[in-house]
């Protein structure tokens, strides 16, 4: 995992909204696009950036591609940030 790709992907508010939508489960690009006022090509661009950062992965079902959140990368980032703090990522440890 390249942190640069991950942080670049997370820096855009639209991509963060897409990740938020995917918390509910797999969605097609059309389903994702219905939540935004932008072209399908723009949604595809954002999904491409998220895939490159390994924040989402895709699966095919017949003629549809479904996108799903990859929580493993987010967990790795949280662990890395926690290690900078020098303790547990638990708020109770304060």
N, C-alpha and C. Protein backbone atom coordinates (compact mmCIF):
# COMPACT_ATOMS: atom_id res chain seq x y z
N UNK A 1 0.85 -1.19 0.00
CA UNK A 1 0.00 0.00 0.00
C UNK A 1 0.88 1.23 0.00
N UNK A 2 0.58 2.17 -0.85
CA UNK A 2 1.30 3.44 -0.89
C UNK A 2 0.46 4.50 -0.18
N UNK A 3 0.98 5.01 0.93
CA UNK A 3 0.23 6.02 1.67
C UNK A 3 -0.06 7.24 0.82
N UNK A 4 0.84 7.59 -0.10
CA UNK A 4 0.62 8.77 -0.95
C UNK A 4 -0.67 8.62 -1.75
N UNK A 5 -0.89 7.44 -2.34
CA UNK A 5 -2.12 7.21 -3.10
C UNK A 5 -3.35 7.25 -2.19
N UNK A 6 -3.20 6.69 -1.00
CA UNK A 6 -4.31 6.66 -0.06
C UNK A 6 -4.70 8.06 0.38
N UNK A 7 -3.71 8.85 0.77
CA UNK A 7 -4.01 10.20 1.24
C UNK A 7 -4.50 11.09 0.11
N UNK A 8 -4.00 10.88 -1.10
CA UNK A 8 -4.51 11.63 -2.25
C UNK A 8 -5.99 11.30 -2.46
N UNK A 9 -6.33 10.02 -2.37
CA UNK A 9 -7.72 9.61 -2.56
C UNK A 9 -8.61 10.19 -1.47
N UNK A 10 -8.13 10.20 -0.25
CA UNK A 10 -8.93 10.70 0.87
C UNK A 10 -9.02 12.22 0.90
N UNK A 11 -8.17 12.90 0.16
CA UNK A 11 -8.16 14.37 0.20
C UNK A 11 -9.35 15.00 -0.51
N UNK A 12 -10.04 14.26 -1.34
CA UNK A 12 -11.16 14.81 -2.10
C UNK A 12 -12.48 14.53 -1.39
N UNK A 13 -13.31 15.55 -1.19
CA UNK A 13 -14.57 15.34 -0.47
C UNK A 13 -15.55 14.41 -1.20
N UNK A 14 -15.54 14.41 -2.52
CA UNK A 14 -16.42 13.51 -3.27
C UNK A 14 -16.02 12.06 -3.01
N UNK A 15 -14.73 11.80 -3.02
CA UNK A 15 -14.28 10.42 -2.77
C UNK A 15 -14.59 9.99 -1.34
N UNK A 16 -14.49 10.92 -0.40
CA UNK A 16 -14.87 10.58 0.98
C UNK A 16 -16.36 10.28 1.07
N UNK A 17 -17.17 11.01 0.31
CA UNK A 17 -18.62 10.73 0.28
C UNK A 17 -18.89 9.36 -0.33
N UNK A 18 -18.16 9.01 -1.37
CA UNK A 18 -18.32 7.69 -1.98
C UNK A 18 -18.00 6.60 -0.97
N UNK A 19 -16.92 6.76 -0.23
CA UNK A 19 -16.55 5.78 0.80
C UNK A 19 -17.65 5.69 1.86
N UNK A 20 -18.21 6.83 2.21
CA UNK A 20 -19.30 6.85 3.19
C UNK A 20 -20.51 6.07 2.67
N UNK A 21 -20.83 6.23 1.39
CA UNK A 21 -21.94 5.48 0.79
C UNK A 21 -21.67 3.98 0.82
N UNK A 22 -20.43 3.60 0.57
CA UNK A 22 -20.08 2.19 0.50
C UNK A 22 -20.05 1.51 1.87
N UNK A 23 -20.15 2.28 2.94
CA UNK A 23 -20.25 1.68 4.27
C UNK A 23 -21.50 0.81 4.37
N UNK A 24 -22.52 1.16 3.59
CA UNK A 24 -23.79 0.43 3.64
C UNK A 24 -23.74 -0.88 2.86
N UNK A 25 -22.71 -1.06 2.03
CA UNK A 25 -22.58 -2.29 1.26
C UNK A 25 -22.22 -2.00 -0.18
N UNK A 26 -22.04 -3.05 -0.98
CA UNK A 26 -21.64 -2.89 -2.39
C UNK A 26 -22.67 -2.09 -3.19
N UNK A 27 -22.15 -1.29 -4.12
CA UNK A 27 -23.00 -0.47 -4.98
C UNK A 27 -22.40 -0.45 -6.39
N UNK A 28 -23.27 -0.33 -7.37
CA UNK A 28 -22.80 -0.15 -8.75
C UNK A 28 -22.42 1.31 -8.95
N UNK A 29 -21.68 1.59 -10.02
CA UNK A 29 -21.30 2.96 -10.33
C UNK A 29 -22.53 3.83 -10.55
N UNK A 30 -23.55 3.26 -11.17
CA UNK A 30 -24.80 4.00 -11.39
C UNK A 30 -25.48 4.36 -10.08
N UNK A 31 -25.49 3.42 -9.13
CA UNK A 31 -26.07 3.69 -7.82
C UNK A 31 -25.29 4.79 -7.11
N UNK A 32 -23.98 4.71 -7.19
CA UNK A 32 -23.13 5.74 -6.57
C UNK A 32 -23.38 7.08 -7.24
N UNK A 33 -23.40 7.09 -8.56
CA UNK A 33 -23.59 8.33 -9.31
C UNK A 33 -24.92 9.01 -9.05
N UNK A 34 -25.93 8.23 -8.68
CA UNK A 34 -27.25 8.82 -8.43
C UNK A 34 -27.25 9.75 -7.22
N UNK A 35 -26.22 9.69 -6.40
CA UNK A 35 -26.11 10.55 -5.23
C UNK A 35 -25.37 11.86 -5.51
N UNK A 36 -24.92 12.04 -6.74
CA UNK A 36 -24.12 13.21 -7.10
C UNK A 36 -24.67 13.86 -8.36
N UNK A 37 -24.38 15.13 -8.49
CA UNK A 37 -24.74 15.87 -9.70
C UNK A 37 -23.49 16.01 -10.57
N UNK A 38 -23.07 14.87 -11.14
CA UNK A 38 -21.88 14.86 -12.01
C UNK A 38 -22.02 13.74 -13.02
N UNK A 39 -21.21 13.79 -14.03
CA UNK A 39 -21.30 12.80 -15.11
C UNK A 39 -20.81 11.42 -14.65
N UNK A 40 -21.20 10.40 -15.38
CA UNK A 40 -20.72 9.05 -15.12
C UNK A 40 -19.21 8.96 -15.27
N UNK A 41 -18.66 9.71 -16.22
CA UNK A 41 -17.20 9.70 -16.42
C UNK A 41 -16.49 10.26 -15.20
N UNK A 42 -17.06 11.26 -14.57
CA UNK A 42 -16.45 11.84 -13.38
C UNK A 42 -16.51 10.85 -12.21
N UNK A 43 -17.63 10.16 -12.07
CA UNK A 43 -17.75 9.14 -11.03
C UNK A 43 -16.73 8.03 -11.28
N UNK A 44 -16.59 7.61 -12.53
CA UNK A 44 -15.61 6.58 -12.88
C UNK A 44 -14.19 7.02 -12.53
N UNK A 45 -13.89 8.30 -12.77
CA UNK A 45 -12.57 8.83 -12.42
C UNK A 45 -12.32 8.71 -10.91
N UNK A 46 -13.31 9.11 -10.12
CA UNK A 46 -13.16 9.03 -8.66
C UNK A 46 -13.02 7.57 -8.21
N UNK A 47 -13.78 6.68 -8.80
CA UNK A 47 -13.67 5.26 -8.45
C UNK A 47 -12.30 4.70 -8.82
N UNK A 48 -11.76 5.16 -9.94
CA UNK A 48 -10.43 4.72 -10.36
C UNK A 48 -9.37 5.13 -9.33
N UNK A 49 -9.47 6.35 -8.83
CA UNK A 49 -8.53 6.83 -7.81
C UNK A 49 -8.67 6.01 -6.53
N UNK A 50 -9.91 5.72 -6.14
CA UNK A 50 -10.14 4.93 -4.93
C UNK A 50 -9.63 3.49 -5.08
N UNK A 51 -9.78 2.93 -6.29
CA UNK A 51 -9.27 1.58 -6.54
C UNK A 51 -7.74 1.57 -6.51
N UNK A 52 -7.11 2.58 -7.11
CA UNK A 52 -5.65 2.67 -7.13
C UNK A 52 -5.10 2.73 -5.70
N UNK A 53 -5.84 3.37 -4.81
CA UNK A 53 -5.42 3.48 -3.42
C UNK A 53 -5.84 2.27 -2.60
N UNK A 54 -6.46 1.29 -3.24
CA UNK A 54 -6.95 0.08 -2.57
C UNK A 54 -8.00 0.36 -1.50
N UNK A 55 -8.68 1.48 -1.62
CA UNK A 55 -9.74 1.79 -0.67
C UNK A 55 -11.06 1.12 -1.06
N UNK A 56 -11.19 0.77 -2.32
CA UNK A 56 -12.36 0.01 -2.78
C UNK A 56 -11.87 -1.10 -3.70
N UNK A 57 -12.67 -2.13 -3.79
CA UNK A 57 -12.41 -3.15 -4.79
C UNK A 57 -13.71 -3.43 -5.51
N UNK A 58 -13.60 -4.05 -6.67
CA UNK A 58 -14.77 -4.28 -7.50
C UNK A 58 -14.98 -5.77 -7.72
N UNK A 59 -16.25 -6.10 -7.94
CA UNK A 59 -16.60 -7.47 -8.30
C UNK A 59 -17.64 -7.38 -9.42
N UNK A 60 -17.63 -8.36 -10.28
CA UNK A 60 -18.54 -8.37 -11.42
C UNK A 60 -19.66 -9.37 -11.19
N UNK A 61 -20.85 -8.96 -11.60
CA UNK A 61 -22.02 -9.83 -11.58
C UNK A 61 -22.77 -9.59 -12.88
N UNK A 62 -22.61 -10.51 -13.80
CA UNK A 62 -23.18 -10.38 -15.15
C UNK A 62 -22.66 -9.11 -15.80
N UNK A 63 -23.55 -8.17 -16.12
CA UNK A 63 -23.13 -6.94 -16.81
C UNK A 63 -22.82 -5.79 -15.86
N UNK A 64 -22.82 -6.04 -14.56
CA UNK A 64 -22.63 -4.97 -13.59
C UNK A 64 -21.32 -5.14 -12.83
N UNK A 65 -20.75 -4.01 -12.48
CA UNK A 65 -19.58 -3.98 -11.61
C UNK A 65 -20.03 -3.34 -10.30
N UNK A 66 -19.75 -4.02 -9.21
CA UNK A 66 -20.10 -3.51 -7.89
C UNK A 66 -18.84 -3.12 -7.14
N UNK A 67 -18.91 -1.99 -6.46
CA UNK A 67 -17.79 -1.47 -5.70
C UNK A 67 -18.06 -1.68 -4.22
N UNK A 68 -17.00 -2.04 -3.51
CA UNK A 68 -17.14 -2.34 -2.09
C UNK A 68 -15.97 -1.73 -1.33
N UNK A 69 -16.23 -1.29 -0.13
CA UNK A 69 -15.22 -0.68 0.72
C UNK A 69 -14.19 -1.72 1.16
N UNK A 70 -12.93 -1.35 1.09
CA UNK A 70 -11.84 -2.20 1.57
C UNK A 70 -11.37 -1.63 2.91
N UNK A 71 -11.87 -2.18 4.00
CA UNK A 71 -11.56 -1.64 5.32
C UNK A 71 -10.14 -1.96 5.77
N UNK A 72 -9.50 -2.92 5.15
CA UNK A 72 -8.14 -3.31 5.54
C UNK A 72 -7.18 -2.12 5.43
N UNK A 73 -7.27 -1.38 4.36
CA UNK A 73 -6.36 -0.24 4.17
C UNK A 73 -6.64 0.83 5.23
N UNK A 74 -7.91 1.07 5.51
CA UNK A 74 -8.25 2.06 6.53
C UNK A 74 -7.73 1.64 7.90
N UNK A 75 -7.81 0.36 8.20
CA UNK A 75 -7.29 -0.14 9.47
C UNK A 75 -5.78 0.04 9.55
N UNK A 76 -5.08 -0.19 8.44
CA UNK A 76 -3.63 0.01 8.41
C UNK A 76 -3.26 1.47 8.66
N UNK A 77 -4.02 2.38 8.08
CA UNK A 77 -3.77 3.81 8.28
C UNK A 77 -3.99 4.18 9.75
N UNK A 78 -5.08 3.68 10.31
CA UNK A 78 -5.38 3.98 11.71
C UNK A 78 -4.28 3.45 12.63
N UNK A 79 -3.78 2.26 12.35
CA UNK A 79 -2.70 1.70 13.16
C UNK A 79 -1.43 2.53 13.03
N UNK A 80 -1.13 2.96 11.80
CA UNK A 80 0.06 3.77 11.58
C UNK A 80 -0.05 5.10 12.33
N UNK A 81 -1.20 5.76 12.22
CA UNK A 81 -1.40 7.03 12.91
C UNK A 81 -1.32 6.82 14.42
N UNK A 82 -1.91 5.75 14.89
CA UNK A 82 -1.85 5.42 16.31
C UNK A 82 -0.41 5.23 16.78
N UNK A 83 0.42 4.62 15.94
CA UNK A 83 1.81 4.39 16.33
C UNK A 83 2.57 5.71 16.47
N UNK A 84 2.16 6.73 15.73
CA UNK A 84 2.80 8.04 15.84
C UNK A 84 2.50 8.67 17.20
N UNK A 85 1.32 8.37 17.70
CA UNK A 85 0.90 8.90 18.99
C UNK A 85 1.66 8.21 20.12
N UNK A 86 2.08 6.99 19.88
CA UNK A 86 2.85 6.27 20.88
C UNK A 86 2.00 5.51 21.88
N UNK A 87 0.79 5.17 21.50
CA UNK A 87 -0.07 4.42 22.41
C UNK A 87 -1.21 3.79 21.66
N UNK A 88 -2.19 3.33 22.42
CA UNK A 88 -3.38 2.73 21.83
C UNK A 88 -4.21 3.78 21.12
N UNK A 89 -4.99 3.33 20.16
CA UNK A 89 -5.90 4.20 19.43
C UNK A 89 -7.20 4.38 20.21
N UNK A 90 -7.21 3.95 21.45
CA UNK A 90 -8.38 3.93 22.30
C UNK A 90 -8.49 5.26 23.04
N UNK A 91 -9.64 5.93 22.95
CA UNK A 91 -9.85 7.22 23.60
C UNK A 91 -9.81 7.10 25.12
N UNK A 92 -10.09 5.93 25.67
CA UNK A 92 -10.10 5.74 27.11
C UNK A 92 -8.70 5.78 27.71
N UNK A 93 -7.69 5.62 26.87
CA UNK A 93 -6.31 5.58 27.39
C UNK A 93 -5.76 6.97 27.68
N UNK A 94 -6.55 8.01 27.43
CA UNK A 94 -6.10 9.39 27.69
C UNK A 94 -6.05 9.68 29.16
